[in-house]
PDB file of N, CA and C in Angstrom:
ATOM      1  N   MET A   1       8.163 -20.712  24.279  1.00  0.00           N
ATOM      2  CA  MET A   1       8.069 -20.090  23.310  1.00  0.00           C
ATOM      3  C   MET A   1       9.468 -18.995  23.143  1.00  0.00           C
ATOM      4  N   ASN A   2      10.461 -18.753  23.005  1.00  0.00           N
ATOM      5  CA  ASN A   2      11.189 -17.867  23.281  1.00  0.00           C
ATOM      6  C   ASN A   2      10.698 -16.389  22.061  1.00  0.00           C
ATOM      7  N   VAL A   3      10.548 -15.468  23.017  1.00  0.00           N
ATOM      8  CA  VAL A   3       9.869 -14.774  21.960  1.00  0.00           C
ATOM      9  C   VAL A   3      10.702 -13.866  21.663  1.00  0.00           C
ATOM     10  N   LYS A   4      10.680 -13.200  20.345  1.00  0.00           N
ATOM     11  CA  LYS A   4      11.704 -12.570  19.970  1.00  0.00           C
ATOM     12  C   LYS A   4      10.304 -11.544  18.958  1.00  0.00           C
ATOM     13  N   HIS A   5       9.503 -11.472  18.870  1.00  0.00           N
ATOM     14  CA  HIS A   5       8.736 -10.344  18.334  1.00  0.00           C
ATOM     15  C   HIS A   5       7.355 -10.545  18.829  1.00  0.00           C
ATOM     16  N   SER A   6       6.663  -9.166  19.608  1.00  0.00           N
ATOM     17  CA  SER A   6       5.133  -9.450  20.456  1.00  0.00           C
ATOM     18  C   SER A   6       4.392  -7.929  19.672  1.00  0.00           C
ATOM     19  N   VAL A   7       2.980  -8.552  19.870  1.00  0.00           N
ATOM     20  CA  VAL A   7       2.069  -7.094  19.686  1.00  0.00           C
ATOM     21  C   VAL A   7       1.135  -6.655  20.809  1.00  0.00           C
ATOM     22  N   GLN A   8       1.033  -6.204  21.938  1.00  0.00           N
ATOM     23  CA  GLN A   8      -0.096  -6.284  22.441  1.00  0.00           C
ATOM     24  C   GLN A   8      -1.774  -5.736  21.546  1.00  0.00           C
ATOM     25  N   LEU A   9      -2.375  -6.420  21.733  1.00  0.00           N
ATOM     26  CA  LEU A   9      -3.976  -6.121  20.892  1.00  0.00           C
ATOM     27  C   LEU A   9      -5.123  -5.529  21.507  1.00  0.00           C
ATOM     28  N   SER A  10      -4.529  -6.076  23.621  1.00  0.00           N
ATOM     29  CA  SER A  10      -5.525  -5.490  24.490  1.00  0.00           C
ATOM     30  C   SER A  10      -4.482  -5.692  25.779  1.00  0.00           C
ATOM     31  N   ASP A  11      -5.987  -5.798  26.986  1.00  0.00           N
ATOM     32  CA  ASP A  11      -4.601  -6.046  28.208  1.00  0.00           C
ATOM     33  C   ASP A  11      -4.194  -7.232  28.561  1.00  0.00           C
ATOM     34  N   LEU A  12      -4.973  -8.126  27.668  1.00  0.00           N
ATOM     35  CA  LEU A  12      -4.875  -9.522  28.183  1.00  0.00           C
ATOM     36  C   LEU A  12      -4.833 -10.575  26.639  1.00  0.00           C
ATOM     37  N   HIS A  13      -4.278  -9.845  25.595  1.00  0.00           N
ATOM     38  CA  HIS A  13      -4.329 -10.574  24.605  1.00  0.00           C
ATOM     39  C   HIS A  13      -3.114  -9.533  23.771  1.00  0.00           C
ATOM     40  N   SER A  14      -2.524 -10.767  23.092  1.00  0.00           N
ATOM     41  CA  SER A  14      -0.851 -10.314  22.401  1.00  0.00           C
ATOM     42  C   SER A  14      -0.900 -10.977  21.610  1.00  0.00           C
ATOM     43  N   ILE A  15       0.292 -10.948  20.028  1.00  0.00           N
ATOM     44  CA  ILE A  15       0.133 -12.314  19.630  1.00  0.00           C
ATOM     45  C   ILE A  15       1.923 -12.657  19.470  1.00  0.00           C
ATOM     46  N   GLU A  16       2.507 -13.280  19.320  1.00  0.00           N
ATOM     47  CA  GLU A  16       3.845 -13.584  19.307  1.00  0.00           C
ATOM     48  C   GLU A  16       4.261 -14.440  18.783  1.00  0.00           C
ATOM     49  N   LEU A  17       5.412 -13.775  18.374  1.00  0.00           N
ATOM     50  CA  LEU A  17       6.543 -14.669  16.915  1.00  0.00           C
ATOM     51  C   LEU A  17       7.850 -14.990  17.512  1.00  0.00           C
ATOM     52  N   GLY A  18       8.525 -16.333  17.611  1.00  0.00           N
ATOM     53  CA  GLY A  18       9.698 -16.915  17.958  1.00  0.00           C
ATOM     54  C   GLY A  18       9.986 -18.016  17.951  1.00  0.00           C
ATOM     55  N   GLU A  19      11.271 -18.609  18.464  1.00  0.00           N
ATOM     56  CA  GLU A  19      11.451 -19.301  18.747  1.00  0.00           C
ATOM     57  C   GLU A  19      10.548 -20.337  19.100  1.00  0.00           C
ATOM     58  N   ALA A  20      10.525 -21.937  18.258  1.00  0.00           N
ATOM     59  CA  ALA A  20       9.447 -22.598  18.975  1.00  0.00           C
ATOM     60  C   ALA A  20       9.759 -23.393  19.743  1.00  0.00           C
ATOM     61  N   THR A  21       9.040 -23.545  20.908  1.00  0.00           N
ATOM     62  CA  THR A  21       9.341 -24.561  22.070  1.00  0.00           C
ATOM     63  C   THR A  21       9.775 -25.799  21.958  1.00  0.00           C
ATOM     64  N   TRP A  22       9.735 -26.067  21.204  1.00  0.00           N
ATOM     65  CA  TRP A  22       9.840 -28.061  20.798  1.00  0.00           C
ATOM     66  C   TRP A  22      11.068 -27.855  20.107  1.00  0.00           C
ATOM     67  N   ASP A  23      11.997 -26.563  19.480  1.00  0.00           N
ATOM     68  CA  ASP A  23      13.276 -27.173  18.733  1.00  0.00           C
ATOM     69  C   ASP A  23      13.109 -25.329  18.488  1.00  0.00           C
ATOM     70  N   ASN A  24      14.699 -25.121  18.630  1.00  0.00           N
ATOM     71  CA  ASN A  24      14.988 -23.511  18.860  1.00  0.00           C
ATOM     72  C   ASN A  24      15.382 -23.551  17.380  1.00  0.00           C
ATOM     73  N   ASN A  25      15.557 -23.760  16.465  1.00  0.00           N
ATOM     74  CA  ASN A  25      15.900 -23.784  14.620  1.00  0.00           C
ATOM     75  C   ASN A  25      14.643 -23.685  14.343  1.00  0.00           C
ATOM     76  N   ALA A  26      13.398 -23.356  15.236  1.00  0.00           N
ATOM     77  CA  ALA A  26      12.126 -23.466  14.177  1.00  0.00           C
ATOM     78  C   ALA A  26      11.378 -22.406  14.644  1.00  0.00           C
ATOM     79  N   VAL A  27      10.488 -22.016  13.876  1.00  0.00           N
ATOM     80  CA  VAL A  27       9.727 -20.465  14.278  1.00  0.00           C
ATOM     81  C   VAL A  27       8.485 -21.041  14.421  1.00  0.00           C
ATOM     82  N   SER A  28       8.079 -20.191  15.423  1.00  0.00           N
ATOM     83  CA  SER A  28       6.490 -20.949  15.666  1.00  0.00           C
ATOM     84  C   SER A  28       5.746 -19.065  16.278  1.00  0.00           C
ATOM     85  N   ILE A  29       4.028 -19.239  16.306  1.00  0.00           N
ATOM     86  CA  ILE A  29       3.500 -17.845  16.485  1.00  0.00           C
ATOM     87  C   ILE A  29       1.976 -18.400  17.119  1.00  0.00           C
ATOM     88  N   ARG A  30       1.990 -17.362  17.863  1.00  0.00           N
ATOM     89  CA  ARG A  30       0.933 -17.972  18.863  1.00  0.00           C
ATOM     90  C   ARG A  30       0.047 -16.608  18.804  1.00  0.00           C
ATOM     91  N   ASN A  31      -1.080 -17.022  19.668  1.00  0.00           N
ATOM     92  CA  ASN A  31      -2.321 -15.771  20.015  1.00  0.00           C
ATOM     93  C   ASN A  31      -1.979 -15.918  21.391  1.00  0.00           C
ATOM     94  N   ARG A  32      -1.584 -15.052  22.460  1.00  0.00           N
ATOM     95  CA  ARG A  32      -1.426 -15.500  23.540  1.00  0.00           C
ATOM     96  C   ARG A  32      -2.284 -14.654  25.076  1.00  0.00           C
ATOM     97  N   TYR A  33      -3.031 -15.746  25.381  1.00  0.00           N
ATOM     98  CA  TYR A  33      -4.143 -15.056  25.834  1.00  0.00           C
ATOM     99  C   TYR A  33      -3.951 -15.130  27.733  1.00  0.00           C
ATOM    100  N   ASP A  34      -3.923 -13.653  28.700  1.00  0.00           N
ATOM    101  CA  ASP A  34      -3.462 -13.833  29.814  1.00  0.00           C
ATOM    102  C   ASP A  34      -4.947 -14.116  30.591  1.00  0.00           C
ATOM    103  N   LEU A  35      -4.681 -14.783  31.802  1.00  0.00           N
ATOM    104  CA  LEU A  35      -6.214 -14.839  32.487  1.00  0.00           C
ATOM    105  C   LEU A  35      -6.391 -13.223  33.414  1.00  0.00           C
ATOM    106  N   ASP A  36      -6.703 -13.465  33.864  1.00  0.00           N
ATOM    107  CA  ASP A  36      -6.807 -12.315  34.547  1.00  0.00           C
ATOM    108  C   ASP A  36      -6.493 -12.295  35.993  1.00  0.00           C
ATOM    109  N   SER A  37      -5.946 -13.213  36.028  1.00  0.00           N
ATOM    110  CA  SER A  37      -5.277 -13.519  37.256  1.00  0.00           C
ATOM    111  C   SER A  37      -3.270 -13.202  37.357  1.00  0.00           C
ATOM    112  N   GLY A  38      -3.366 -13.020  35.935  1.00  0.00           N
ATOM    113  CA  GLY A  38      -1.975 -12.588  35.710  1.00  0.00           C
ATOM    114  C   GLY A  38      -1.172 -13.650  35.405  1.00  0.00           C
ATOM    115  N   LYS A  39      -2.078 -15.151  34.853  1.00  0.00           N
ATOM    116  CA  LYS A  39      -1.235 -16.068  34.477  1.00  0.00           C
ATOM    117  C   LYS A  39      -1.673 -16.172  33.317  1.00  0.00           C
ATOM    118  N   PHE A  40      -0.247 -17.447  32.736  1.00  0.00           N
ATOM    119  CA  PHE A  40      -0.818 -17.935  31.214  1.00  0.00           C
ATOM    120  C   PHE A  40      -1.747 -18.504  30.851  1.00  0.00           C
ATOM    121  N   SER A  41      -2.940 -18.106  30.436  1.00  0.00           N
ATOM    122  CA  SER A  41      -3.738 -19.400  29.729  1.00  0.00           C
ATOM    123  C   SER A  41      -3.130 -20.216  28.904  1.00  0.00           C
ATOM    124  N   ARG A  42      -2.323 -21.523  29.022  1.00  0.00           N
ATOM    125  CA  ARG A  42      -2.440 -22.583  28.023  1.00  0.00           C
ATOM    126  C   ARG A  42      -3.177 -23.294  27.658  1.00  0.00           C
ATOM    127  N   HIS A  43      -4.475 -22.977  27.555  1.00  0.00           N
ATOM    128  CA  HIS A  43      -5.623 -23.465  26.998  1.00  0.00           C
ATOM    129  C   HIS A  43      -6.006 -22.756  25.501  1.00  0.00           C
ATOM    130  N   ASN A  44      -5.828 -21.409  25.551  1.00  0.00           N
ATOM    131  CA  ASN A  44      -6.382 -20.697  24.246  1.00  0.00           C
ATOM    132  C   ASN A  44      -4.769 -19.856  24.241  1.00  0.00           C
ATOM    133  N   SER A  45      -4.034 -20.082  24.292  1.00  0.00           N
ATOM    134  CA  SER A  45      -2.651 -19.643  24.030  1.00  0.00           C
ATOM    135  C   SER A  45      -1.686 -20.191  22.697  1.00  0.00           C
ATOM    136  N   SER A  46      -2.351 -21.510  22.166  1.00  0.00           N
ATOM    137  CA  SER A  46      -1.653 -22.669  21.280  1.00  0.00           C
ATOM    138  C   SER A  46      -0.368 -22.311  20.563  1.00  0.00           C
ATOM    139  N   GLU A  47       0.519 -22.528  20.463  1.00  0.00           N
ATOM    140  CA  GLU A  47       1.583 -22.415  19.559  1.00  0.00           C
ATOM    141  C   GLU A  47       1.681 -23.202  18.477  1.00  0.00           C
ATOM    142  N   ILE A  48       1.795 -22.332  17.329  1.00  0.00           N
ATOM    143  CA  ILE A  48       1.980 -23.583  16.183  1.00  0.00           C
ATOM    144  C   ILE A  48       3.087 -23.438  15.235  1.00  0.00           C
ATOM    145  N   PRO A  49       3.368 -24.371  14.907  1.00  0.00           N
ATOM    146  CA  PRO A  49       4.886 -23.749  13.521  1.00  0.00           C
ATOM    147  C   PRO A  49       4.452 -22.708  12.400  1.00  0.00           C
ATOM    148  N   ILE A  50       5.013 -21.827  12.487  1.00  0.00           N
ATOM    149  CA  ILE A  50       5.058 -20.786  11.476  1.00  0.00           C
ATOM    150  C   ILE A  50       4.573 -21.011   9.672  1.00  0.00           C
ATOM    151  N   ASN A  51       5.351 -22.289   9.732  1.00  0.00           N
ATOM    152  CA  ASN A  51       4.994 -22.498   7.957  1.00  0.00           C
ATOM    153  C   ASN A  51       3.781 -23.599   8.026  1.00  0.00           C
ATOM    154  N   ASP A  52       3.269 -23.831   9.267  1.00  0.00           N
ATOM    155  CA  ASP A  52       1.334 -24.223   8.983  1.00  0.00           C
ATOM    156  C   ASP A  52       0.113 -23.073   8.450  1.00  0.00           C
ATOM    157  N   LEU A  53       0.992 -21.890   9.153  1.00  0.00           N
ATOM    158  CA  LEU A  53       0.036 -20.713   8.868  1.00  0.00           C
ATOM    159  C   LEU A  53      -0.525 -20.667   7.020  1.00  0.00           C
ATOM    160  N   SER A  54       0.210 -21.159   6.542  1.00  0.00           N
ATOM    161  CA  SER A  54      -0.156 -20.635   5.189  1.00  0.00           C
ATOM    162  C   SER A  54      -1.078 -21.605   4.953  1.00  0.00           C
ATOM    163  N   GLY A  55      -1.204 -22.930   5.462  1.00  0.00           N
ATOM    164  CA  GLY A  55      -2.243 -23.922   5.267  1.00  0.00           C
ATOM    165  C   GLY A  55      -3.318 -24.027   5.586  1.00  0.00           C
ATOM    166  N   LEU A  56      -3.250 -22.897   6.513  1.00  0.00           N
ATOM    167  CA  LEU A  56      -4.187 -22.806   7.899  1.00  0.00           C
ATOM    168  C   LEU A  56      -5.267 -21.362   6.811  1.00  0.00           C
ATOM    169  N   VAL A  57      -5.109 -20.649   6.164  1.00  0.00           N
ATOM    170  CA  VAL A  57      -5.326 -19.191   5.512  1.00  0.00           C
ATOM    171  C   VAL A  57      -6.006 -20.351   4.419  1.00  0.00           C
ATOM    172  N   LYS A  58      -5.213 -21.057   4.146  1.00  0.00           N
ATOM    173  CA  LYS A  58      -5.878 -21.055   2.358  1.00  0.00           C
ATOM    174  C   LYS A  58      -6.995 -22.620   2.664  1.00  0.00           C
ATOM    175  N   PHE A  59      -7.297 -22.831   3.755  1.00  0.00           N
ATOM    176  CA  PHE A  59      -8.312 -24.209   4.094  1.00  0.00           C
ATOM    177  C   PHE A  59      -9.209 -22.946   4.667  1.00  0.00           C
ATOM    178  N   ALA A  60      -9.463 -22.057   5.485  1.00  0.00           N
ATOM    179  CA  ALA A  60     -10.478 -20.858   5.758  1.00  0.00           C
ATOM    180  C   ALA A  60     -10.849 -20.243   4.695  1.00  0.00           C
ATOM    181  N   CYS A  61      -9.866 -19.845   3.565  1.00  0.00           N
ATOM    182  CA  CYS A  61     -10.399 -19.515   2.688  1.00  0.00           C
ATOM    183  C   CYS A  61     -11.360 -19.727   1.725  1.00  0.00           C
ATOM    184  N   GLU A  62     -11.215 -21.773   1.431  1.00  0.00           N
ATOM    185  CA  GLU A  62     -11.646 -22.732   0.809  1.00  0.00           C
ATOM    186  C   GLU A  62     -13.291 -23.158   1.170  1.00  0.00           C
ATOM    187  N   HIS A  63     -12.895 -22.649   2.135  1.00  0.00           N
ATOM    188  CA  HIS A  63     -14.214 -22.810   3.307  1.00  0.00           C
ATOM    189  C   HIS A  63     -15.018 -21.620   3.372  1.00  0.00           C
ATOM    190  N   GLN A  64     -14.414 -20.755   3.038  1.00  0.00           N
ATOM    191  CA  GLN A  64     -15.271 -18.885   3.326  1.00  0.00           C
ATOM    192  C   GLN A  64     -15.806 -18.904   4.419  1.00  0.00           C
ATOM    193  N   ALA A  65     -14.243 -19.242   5.295  1.00  0.00           N
ATOM    194  CA  ALA A  65     -14.767 -18.951   6.818  1.00  0.00           C
ATOM    195  C   ALA A  65     -13.902 -17.621   7.308  1.00  0.00           C
ATOM    196  N   LEU A  66     -13.596 -16.496   6.124  1.00  0.00           N
ATOM    197  CA  LEU A  66     -13.109 -15.631   6.653  1.00  0.00           C
ATOM    198  C   LEU A  66     -13.950 -14.310   6.130  1.00  0.00           C
ATOM    199  N   THR A  67     -14.507 -13.548   6.795  1.00  0.00           N
ATOM    200  CA  THR A  67     -14.860 -12.839   5.904  1.00  0.00           C
ATOM    201  C   THR A  67     -14.322 -11.568   5.152  1.00  0.00           C
ATOM    202  N   GLU A  68     -14.819 -10.839   4.424  1.00  0.00           N
ATOM    203  CA  GLU A  68     -14.207 -10.128   2.999  1.00  0.00           C
ATOM    204  C   GLU A  68     -12.767  -8.875   4.514  1.00  0.00           C
ATOM    205  N   SER A  69     -13.377  -8.475   4.887  1.00  0.00           N
ATOM    206  CA  SER A  69     -12.544  -7.209   5.736  1.00  0.00           C
ATOM    207  C   SER A  69     -10.919  -8.308   6.447  1.00  0.00           C
ATOM    208  N   GLU A  70     -11.393  -9.429   6.866  1.00  0.00           N
ATOM    209  CA  GLU A  70     -10.083 -10.273   7.333  1.00  0.00           C
ATOM    210  C   GLU A  70      -9.652 -10.602   6.323  1.00  0.00           C
ATOM    211  N   LEU A  71     -10.225 -10.251   4.968  1.00  0.00           N
ATOM    212  CA  LEU A  71      -9.202 -10.832   3.747  1.00  0.00           C
ATOM    213  C   LEU A  71      -8.082 -10.034   3.482  1.00  0.00           C
ATOM    214  N   LYS A  72      -9.083  -9.070   3.661  1.00  0.00           N
ATOM    215  CA  LYS A  72      -8.597  -7.225   3.103  1.00  0.00           C
ATOM    216  C   LYS A  72      -6.949  -6.786   4.415  1.00  0.00           C
ATOM    217  N   ILE A  73      -7.375  -7.407   5.138  1.00  0.00           N
ATOM    218  CA  ILE A  73      -6.464  -6.931   6.228  1.00  0.00           C
ATOM    219  C   ILE A  73      -5.051  -7.588   6.099  1.00  0.00           C
ATOM    220  N   MET A  74      -5.849  -9.239   5.653  1.00  0.00           N
ATOM    221  CA  MET A  74      -4.108 -10.096   4.963  1.00  0.00           C
ATOM    222  C   MET A  74      -3.543 -10.130   4.298  1.00  0.00           C
ATOM    223  N   LEU A  75      -4.406  -9.338   3.434  1.00  0.00           N
ATOM    224  CA  LEU A  75      -3.504  -9.227   1.647  1.00  0.00           C
ATOM    225  C   LEU A  75      -3.435  -7.591   1.567  1.00  0.00           C
ATOM    226  N   LYS A  76      -3.793  -6.711   1.978  1.00  0.00           N
ATOM    227  CA  LYS A  76      -2.751  -5.712   2.469  1.00  0.00           C
ATOM    228  C   LYS A  76      -1.599  -6.370   2.848  1.00  0.00           C
ATOM    229  N   ALA A  77      -1.110  -6.505   4.066  1.00  0.00           N
ATOM    230  CA  ALA A  77      -0.570  -7.003   5.174  1.00  0.00           C
ATOM    231  C   ALA A  77       0.923  -7.779   3.908  1.00  0.00           C
ATOM    232  N   ILE A  78       0.390  -8.537   3.296  1.00  0.00           N
ATOM    233  CA  ILE A  78       0.921  -9.340   2.010  1.00  0.00           C
ATOM    234  C   ILE A  78       2.068  -8.923   1.074  1.00  0.00           C
ATOM    235  N   VAL A  79       1.284  -7.704   0.770  1.00  0.00           N
ATOM    236  CA  VAL A  79       1.294  -7.132  -0.296  1.00  0.00           C
ATOM    237  C   VAL A  79       2.640  -6.224   0.106  1.00  0.00           C
ATOM    238  N   LEU A  80       2.162  -5.156   1.133  1.00  0.00           N
ATOM    239  CA  LEU A  80       3.428  -4.360   1.955  1.00  0.00           C
ATOM    240  C   LEU A  80       4.543  -5.153   2.178  1.00  0.00           C
ATOM    241  N   SER A  81       4.380  -6.788   2.819  1.00  0.00           N
ATOM    242  CA  SER A  81       5.789  -7.309   3.080  1.00  0.00           C
ATOM    243  C   SER A  81       6.170  -8.000   1.215  1.00  0.00           C
ATOM    244  N   LEU A  82       5.917  -8.263   0.658  1.00  0.00           N
ATOM    245  CA  LEU A  82       6.770  -8.165  -0.893  1.00  0.00           C
ATOM    246  C   LEU A  82       7.823  -7.098  -1.304  1.00  0.00           C
ATOM    247  N   ASN A  83       6.738  -6.119  -1.022  1.00  0.00           N
ATOM    248  CA  ASN A  83       7.499  -5.033  -1.544  1.00  0.00           C
ATOM    249  C   ASN A  83       8.724  -4.500  -0.864  1.00  0.00           C
ATOM    250  N   ASP A  84       8.782  -4.794   0.420  1.00  0.00           N
ATOM    251  CA  ASP A  84       9.819  -4.495   1.550  1.00  0.00           C
ATOM    252  C   ASP A  84      11.174  -5.109   1.169  1.00  0.00           C
TER     253      ASP A  84
END
């Protein structure tokens, strides 16, 4: 992944957005987890196409897999992005 944007959530955890590994014209996103050794954990840091994100969230909502707090965080971010 060619990272274009990232946010550090903790010492060993970040979220990254950028050009996909499989196609530099595609956008992907991943949770990045680093190991205590400083190496990148490929097992816990799967990269997914950004276009898959809405389907994953929709499926999670249909199966009540998200808490009310998580849904509020997502809704707030969605509304703010629509107002930009």
